[in-house]
Amino acid sequence: MVRFAADLLLPIVLSVLLFYMLGPIVDRAARWRIPRLVASLAAVAGLLGLLAGGATLLWPQVDTVLTKIPAGAARLRTTVRRQRAVEGDSAIERVQAAATALDSAAAEARRAPASRPGVVRVEVLDPWRVSDMLWTGSLSAISLAGQGLTVLFLTVMLLYEGDALRGKVLAHVQTRTGRRLTAEISEDIASQIERFVWVQVATSCAVAVVTWLALWSLGVEEPAVWGVVAGVMNVVPYFGPLVVTGGLAIVAFLQFESLQMTALVAGIALAITTLEGMVLTPVLLSRAGELSAVSTFVAIAFWSWAWGVPGMLLAVPMLMVGKAVCDHVDELKPFGRLLGR
């Protein structure tokens, strides 16, 4: 059901996370007598302006990277072929050859019987059309734009009606003590999730900046692009640093054609993310905000299967939201202890 409803649930999850991220800014503006609707619109517009400005500054390097991808792929193929000519067939190629032979034998065994005289087998092939590809791509772009608008409008509504929603929840609690307890639990959950989201943003920005400076000092081309990639993938524990390290290793090998520089670039990228995960994040997060390695791994595996790349990026924040709720509800505290360290 979660996988089927991805187009509906993804904008809601993103909006809730943005609500916890921008909520304190709107609350502070409301205390300064700024209308809450104006503050909500300004917070979302400011975030959009920040992202648009960063994308505008970064686009020349992104365009350069996209231009170099075909040439880099061709060089990589040439290098692999040259190495194959020196070393001969690899173990993987021998396994592939064996699998091909088995497939051929199986196809021969199940080959269709000869047709009757006078009967001609006809196979109808649907021709490939450029218009079909353009139509599919335009539908995907329209769907993505629609989801983006949904996220923006829902975030503004949540920021504007945050206090009203909280008041509606408290109105259903019968006793004064129950209302006070519910309000305290709600505030604790909100503060814990808010802190986690901001720590994720701060550490990702730190990883992006440090990676950019390190790659720039080593002479790697388009270091800002790879810094941003490292910052975004930093949200994904374990897998994100490995993806960035592998990508930078290929980039360094194609640029410098030196194993020493390849190892140096990949090692520095891995060291930055390792220090962040083992030193910076534990210092910024409280003990209650720590997640177990097993629960994190399972969450990434599940949400990657359900929602693809967006699910992989949102797995840990959603897991943290679930743990924060479990830690404050008596019936769910065993699950909270199971998710934490």
Protein backbone atom coordinates (compact mmCIF):
# COMPACT_ATOMS: atom_id res chain seq x y z
CA MET A 1 0.00 0.00 0.00
CA VAL A 2 2.85 2.38 0.88
CA ARG A 3 4.53 1.67 -2.43
CA PHE A 4 1.30 2.12 -4.38
CA ALA A 5 0.48 5.42 -2.63
CA ALA A 6 3.98 6.90 -3.08
CA ASP A 7 2.74 9.84 -5.19
CA LEU A 8 0.39 10.83 -2.37
CA LEU A 9 2.54 10.07 0.68
CA LEU A 10 5.85 11.56 -0.49
CA PRO A 11 4.60 15.18 -0.60
CA ILE A 12 2.98 14.74 2.82
CA VAL A 13 6.19 13.42 4.40
CA LEU A 14 8.26 16.21 2.85
CA SER A 15 5.76 18.83 4.02
CA VAL A 16 5.80 17.52 7.60
CA LEU A 17 9.61 17.59 7.71
CA LEU A 18 9.66 21.13 6.30
CA PHE A 19 7.03 22.09 8.89
CA TYR A 20 9.28 20.95 11.73
CA MET A 21 12.24 22.68 10.11
CA LEU A 22 10.59 26.05 9.47
CA GLY A 23 8.13 26.01 12.39
CA PRO A 24 10.46 27.74 14.92
CA ILE A 25 11.13 30.56 12.45
CA VAL A 26 7.40 31.16 11.94
CA ASP A 27 6.73 30.97 15.70
CA ARG A 28 9.40 33.59 16.38
CA ALA A 29 8.00 35.86 13.67
CA ALA A 30 4.51 35.45 15.17
CA ARG A 31 5.87 36.59 18.57
CA TRP A 32 7.12 39.72 16.81
CA ARG A 33 3.51 40.50 15.83
CA ILE A 34 3.98 39.42 12.20
CA PRO A 35 0.81 37.74 10.86
CA ARG A 36 1.30 33.98 10.83
CA LEU A 37 0.21 33.63 7.21
CA VAL A 38 2.74 36.25 6.10
CA ALA A 39 5.47 34.57 8.16
CA SER A 40 4.62 31.16 6.69
CA LEU A 41 4.72 32.45 3.12
CA ALA A 42 7.97 34.32 3.80
CA ALA A 43 9.65 31.24 5.32
CA VAL A 44 8.74 29.01 2.37
CA ALA A 45 9.67 31.74 -0.14
CA GLY A 46 13.00 32.25 1.61
CA LEU A 47 13.77 28.53 1.41
CA LEU A 48 12.83 28.49 -2.28
CA GLY A 49 14.99 31.55 -2.94
CA LEU A 50 17.95 29.94 -1.18
CA LEU A 51 17.61 26.75 -3.23
CA ALA A 52 17.13 28.66 -6.48
CA GLY A 53 20.14 30.87 -5.80
CA GLY A 54 22.33 27.88 -5.00
CA ALA A 55 21.17 26.07 -8.14
CA THR A 56 21.87 29.15 -10.28
CA LEU A 57 25.39 29.49 -8.92
CA LEU A 58 26.06 25.78 -9.27
CA TRP A 59 24.53 25.24 -12.71
CA PRO A 60 27.66 26.09 -14.79
CA GLN A 61 29.61 23.34 -13.02
CA VAL A 62 26.67 20.92 -13.30
CA ASP A 63 26.47 21.64 -17.03
CA THR A 64 30.20 20.99 -17.36
CA VAL A 65 29.87 17.65 -15.54
CA LEU A 66 26.97 16.60 -17.77
CA THR A 67 28.96 17.56 -20.85
CA LYS A 68 31.95 15.49 -19.74
CA ILE A 69 29.98 12.34 -18.89
CA PRO A 70 29.94 10.85 -22.43
CA ALA A 71 33.69 11.44 -22.92
CA GLY A 72 34.42 10.06 -19.47
CA ALA A 73 32.34 6.95 -20.12
CA ALA A 74 34.18 6.38 -23.41
CA ARG A 75 37.55 6.73 -21.70
CA LEU A 76 36.48 4.33 -18.98
CA ARG A 77 35.42 1.74 -21.58
CA THR A 78 38.76 2.14 -23.35
CA THR A 79 40.64 1.64 -20.10
CA VAL A 80 38.62 -1.48 -19.26
CA ARG A 81 39.18 -2.94 -22.74
CA ARG A 82 42.91 -2.26 -22.54
CA GLN A 83 43.09 -3.93 -19.14
CA ARG A 84 41.06 -6.87 -20.45
CA ALA A 85 43.43 -7.29 -23.38
CA VAL A 86 46.35 -7.50 -20.94
CA GLU A 87 44.78 -9.80 -18.35
CA GLY A 88 42.40 -11.86 -20.51
CA ASP A 89 38.87 -12.79 -19.57
CA SER A 90 37.93 -12.10 -15.97
CA ALA A 91 36.06 -14.47 -13.66
CA ILE A 92 32.84 -12.49 -14.16
CA GLU A 93 33.12 -12.81 -17.93
CA ARG A 94 33.66 -16.57 -17.65
CA VAL A 95 30.54 -16.83 -15.47
CA GLN A 96 28.60 -14.76 -18.03
CA ALA A 97 29.80 -17.02 -20.85
CA ALA A 98 28.66 -20.10 -18.93
CA ALA A 99 25.26 -18.52 -18.27
CA THR A 100 24.91 -17.64 -21.97
CA ALA A 101 25.69 -21.23 -22.94
CA LEU A 102 23.07 -22.55 -20.52
CA ASP A 103 20.49 -20.09 -21.84
CA SER A 104 21.21 -21.21 -25.42
CA ALA A 105 20.80 -24.85 -24.44
CA ALA A 106 17.50 -24.12 -22.68
CA ALA A 107 16.23 -22.13 -25.68
CA GLU A 108 17.16 -25.02 -27.98
CA ALA A 109 15.25 -27.47 -25.78
CA ARG A 110 12.05 -25.44 -25.76
CA ARG A 111 12.23 -24.34 -29.40
CA ALA A 112 8.79 -24.22 -30.99
CA PRO A 113 7.95 -27.07 -33.44
CA ALA A 114 8.16 -26.42 -37.13
CA SER A 115 5.10 -24.73 -38.53
CA ARG A 116 2.76 -26.50 -40.88
CA PRO A 117 3.26 -26.09 -44.63
CA GLY A 118 1.63 -22.97 -45.95
CA VAL A 119 1.58 -21.26 -42.50
CA VAL A 120 3.83 -18.28 -42.00
CA ARG A 121 4.60 -16.99 -38.48
CA VAL A 122 4.11 -13.26 -38.19
CA GLU A 123 5.51 -11.08 -35.39
CA VAL A 124 4.14 -7.57 -35.04
CA LEU A 125 6.61 -5.04 -33.65
CA ASP A 126 5.44 -1.70 -32.33
CA PRO A 127 7.73 0.95 -33.89
CA TRP A 128 9.67 3.22 -31.55
CA ARG A 129 8.63 6.84 -31.86
CA VAL A 130 10.36 9.94 -30.56
CA SER A 131 6.92 11.40 -29.82
CA ASP A 132 6.25 8.58 -27.33
CA MET A 133 9.45 9.38 -25.44
CA LEU A 134 8.67 13.10 -25.39
CA TRP A 135 5.12 12.43 -24.20
CA THR A 136 6.33 10.17 -21.37
CA GLY A 137 8.99 12.69 -20.35
CA SER A 138 6.50 15.56 -20.35
CA LEU A 139 4.08 13.57 -18.18
CA SER A 140 6.88 12.86 -15.68
CA ALA A 141 7.82 16.56 -15.60
CA ILE A 142 4.19 17.57 -15.05
CA SER A 143 3.82 15.01 -12.25
CA LEU A 144 7.01 16.23 -10.57
CA ALA A 145 5.88 19.86 -10.81
CA GLY A 146 2.49 18.93 -9.36
CA GLN A 147 4.11 17.17 -6.40
CA GLY A 148 6.36 20.17 -5.83
CA LEU A 149 3.37 22.53 -5.71
CA THR A 150 1.61 20.15 -3.33
CA VAL A 151 4.60 20.21 -0.99
CA LEU A 152 4.74 24.03 -1.03
CA PHE A 153 1.04 24.60 -0.40
CA LEU A 154 0.79 21.91 2.27
CA THR A 155 3.86 23.27 4.06
CA VAL A 156 2.38 26.77 4.13
CA MET A 157 -0.92 25.40 5.47
CA LEU A 158 0.81 23.39 8.19
CA LEU A 159 2.89 26.40 9.26
CA TYR A 160 -0.18 28.64 9.28
CA GLU A 161 -2.47 26.27 11.17
CA GLY A 162 0.13 24.66 13.44
CA ASP A 163 -1.22 26.19 16.66
CA ALA A 164 -4.83 25.57 15.63
CA LEU A 165 -4.15 21.89 14.97
CA ARG A 166 -2.45 21.56 18.33
CA GLY A 167 -5.44 23.22 20.01
CA LYS A 168 -7.87 20.83 18.31
CA VAL A 169 -5.92 17.85 19.60
CA LEU A 170 -5.85 19.20 23.15
CA ALA A 171 -9.59 19.98 23.03
CA HIS A 172 -10.37 16.25 22.87
CA VAL A 173 -8.50 15.54 26.14
CA GLN A 174 -10.96 15.50 29.04
CA THR A 175 -8.93 16.47 32.14
CA ARG A 176 -6.67 19.45 32.79
CA THR A 177 -3.83 17.15 33.84
CA GLY A 178 -4.26 15.14 30.66
CA ARG A 179 -4.16 18.31 28.55
CA ARG A 180 -0.99 19.48 30.28
CA LEU A 181 0.63 16.07 29.81
CA THR A 182 -0.42 15.91 26.16
CA ALA A 183 0.97 19.39 25.53
CA GLU A 184 4.30 18.47 27.14
CA ILE A 185 4.58 15.28 25.10
CA SER A 186 3.72 17.14 21.89
CA GLU A 187 6.34 19.81 22.60
CA ASP A 188 8.98 17.19 23.43
CA ILE A 189 8.28 15.28 20.22
CA ALA A 190 8.37 18.50 18.17
CA SER A 191 11.62 19.70 19.74
CA GLN A 192 13.30 16.30 19.28
CA ILE A 193 12.28 16.02 15.62
CA GLU A 194 13.15 19.68 15.00
CA ARG A 195 16.61 19.19 16.48
CA PHE A 196 17.20 16.07 14.42
CA VAL A 197 16.16 17.80 11.17
CA TRP A 198 18.41 20.79 11.83
CA VAL A 199 21.34 18.56 12.80
CA GLN A 200 20.89 16.70 9.52
CA VAL A 201 20.87 19.98 7.59
CA ALA A 202 23.88 21.37 9.48
CA THR A 203 26.01 18.23 9.12
CA SER A 204 25.14 17.85 5.44
CA CYS A 205 26.14 21.47 4.80
CA ALA A 206 29.37 20.93 6.73
CA VAL A 207 30.20 17.80 4.73
CA ALA A 208 29.41 19.64 1.47
CA VAL A 209 31.65 22.61 2.29
CA VAL A 210 34.58 20.56 3.62
CA THR A 211 34.41 18.14 0.68
CA TRP A 212 34.30 21.05 -1.76
CA LEU A 213 37.37 22.70 -0.19
CA ALA A 214 39.28 19.41 -0.03
CA LEU A 215 38.57 18.56 -3.68
CA TRP A 216 39.40 22.12 -4.74
CA SER A 217 42.76 21.93 -2.96
CA LEU A 218 43.51 18.63 -4.73
CA GLY A 219 42.66 20.09 -8.14
CA VAL A 220 39.59 17.95 -8.83
CA GLU A 221 37.41 19.47 -11.54
CA GLU A 222 33.97 20.86 -10.58
CA PRO A 223 34.53 20.41 -6.82
CA ALA A 224 31.35 22.29 -5.85
CA VAL A 225 29.14 19.77 -7.65
CA TRP A 226 30.73 16.85 -5.84
CA GLY A 227 30.54 18.75 -2.56
CA VAL A 228 26.78 19.14 -2.99
CA VAL A 229 26.45 15.46 -3.92
CA ALA A 230 28.40 14.51 -0.79
CA GLY A 231 26.19 16.73 1.35
CA VAL A 232 22.96 15.28 -0.04
CA MET A 233 24.14 11.66 0.18
CA ASN A 234 25.29 12.30 3.75
CA VAL A 235 21.64 11.99 4.75
CA VAL A 236 21.88 8.26 3.93
CA PRO A 237 24.08 6.51 6.51
CA TYR A 238 26.51 3.81 5.36
CA PHE A 239 25.37 3.75 1.73
CA GLY A 240 25.70 7.48 1.00
CA PRO A 241 29.42 7.78 1.82
CA LEU A 242 30.17 4.62 -0.16
CA VAL A 243 28.36 5.96 -3.23
CA VAL A 244 30.20 9.30 -3.02
CA THR A 245 33.56 7.59 -2.45
CA GLY A 246 33.06 5.28 -5.43
CA GLY A 247 31.96 8.12 -7.68
CA LEU A 248 34.89 10.32 -6.73
CA ALA A 249 37.29 7.41 -7.23
CA ILE A 250 36.09 7.05 -10.85
CA VAL A 251 36.26 10.82 -11.41
CA ALA A 252 39.77 11.05 -9.98
CA PHE A 253 41.01 8.09 -12.04
CA LEU A 254 39.61 9.56 -15.27
CA GLN A 255 41.08 12.99 -14.55
CA PHE A 256 44.51 12.14 -13.11
CA GLU A 257 44.99 8.59 -14.49
CA SER A 258 46.91 7.81 -11.32
CA LEU A 259 46.13 5.20 -8.70
CA GLN A 260 47.80 7.34 -6.01
CA MET A 261 45.54 10.34 -6.70
CA THR A 262 42.51 8.08 -7.00
CA ALA A 263 43.21 6.58 -3.59
CA LEU A 264 43.91 10.02 -2.10
CA VAL A 265 40.67 11.61 -3.37
CA ALA A 266 38.51 8.62 -2.39
CA GLY A 267 40.23 8.32 1.00
CA ILE A 268 39.70 12.00 1.85
CA ALA A 269 36.01 11.82 0.88
CA LEU A 270 35.52 8.72 3.02
CA ALA A 271 37.45 10.26 5.94
CA ILE A 272 35.26 13.39 5.92
CA THR A 273 32.00 11.45 6.06
CA THR A 274 33.41 9.04 8.66
CA LEU A 275 34.48 11.85 10.98
CA GLU A 276 31.09 13.48 10.57
CA GLY A 277 29.23 10.29 11.40
CA MET A 278 31.42 9.26 14.34
CA VAL A 279 32.22 12.65 15.91
CA LEU A 280 30.08 15.57 14.76
CA THR A 281 26.61 14.04 14.64
CA PRO A 282 26.84 12.21 18.02
CA VAL A 283 27.96 15.47 19.65
CA LEU A 284 25.08 17.47 18.19
CA LEU A 285 22.43 14.81 18.81
CA SER A 286 21.39 13.79 22.29
CA ARG A 287 21.45 10.16 23.37
CA ALA A 288 17.69 9.99 22.76
CA GLY A 289 18.23 10.93 19.13
CA GLU A 290 20.60 8.07 18.32
CA LEU A 291 19.36 5.21 16.16
CA SER A 292 20.57 1.64 16.11
CA ALA A 293 22.51 0.42 13.09
CA VAL A 294 20.09 -2.45 12.49
CA SER A 295 16.96 -0.29 12.48
CA THR A 296 18.66 2.27 10.23
CA PHE A 297 19.76 -0.40 7.75
CA VAL A 298 16.28 -1.98 7.65
CA ALA A 299 14.60 1.43 7.23
CA ILE A 300 16.87 2.37 4.31
CA ALA A 301 16.32 -1.00 2.65
CA PHE A 302 12.53 -0.82 3.03
CA TRP A 303 12.01 2.78 1.94
CA SER A 304 14.43 2.40 -0.96
CA TRP A 305 12.31 -0.52 -2.17
CA ALA A 306 9.08 1.39 -1.62
CA TRP A 307 9.96 4.87 -2.91
CA GLY A 308 13.31 4.57 -4.68
CA VAL A 309 15.86 7.37 -4.25
CA PRO A 310 13.47 9.74 -2.40
CA GLY A 311 12.69 6.94 0.05
CA MET A 312 16.40 6.31 0.59
CA LEU A 313 16.93 10.00 1.43
CA LEU A 314 13.88 10.21 3.71
CA ALA A 315 14.31 6.85 5.49
CA VAL A 316 16.35 8.11 8.45
CA PRO A 317 14.26 11.28 9.11
CA MET A 318 11.05 9.18 9.04
CA LEU A 319 12.65 6.63 11.37
CA MET A 320 13.60 9.42 13.76
CA VAL A 321 10.03 10.75 13.73
CA GLY A 322 8.73 7.28 14.59
CA LYS A 323 11.25 6.88 17.40
CA ALA A 324 10.40 10.29 18.86
CA VAL A 325 6.72 9.33 19.02
CA CYS A 326 7.48 5.90 20.49
CA ASP A 327 9.69 7.41 23.21
CA HIS A 328 6.79 9.52 24.53
CA VAL A 329 3.91 7.04 24.35
CA ASP A 330 3.93 4.45 27.13
CA GLU A 331 2.52 1.63 25.01
CA LEU A 332 5.14 2.24 22.31
CA LYS A 333 8.24 2.75 24.48
CA PRO A 334 9.51 -0.83 23.87
CA PHE A 335 9.57 -0.06 20.14
CA GLY A 336 11.44 3.17 20.85
CA ARG A 337 14.09 1.26 22.79
CA LEU A 338 14.31 -1.24 19.94
CA LEU A 339 14.91 1.54 17.38
CA GLY A 340 17.52 3.32 19.52
CA ARG A 341 20.96 2.37 20.72
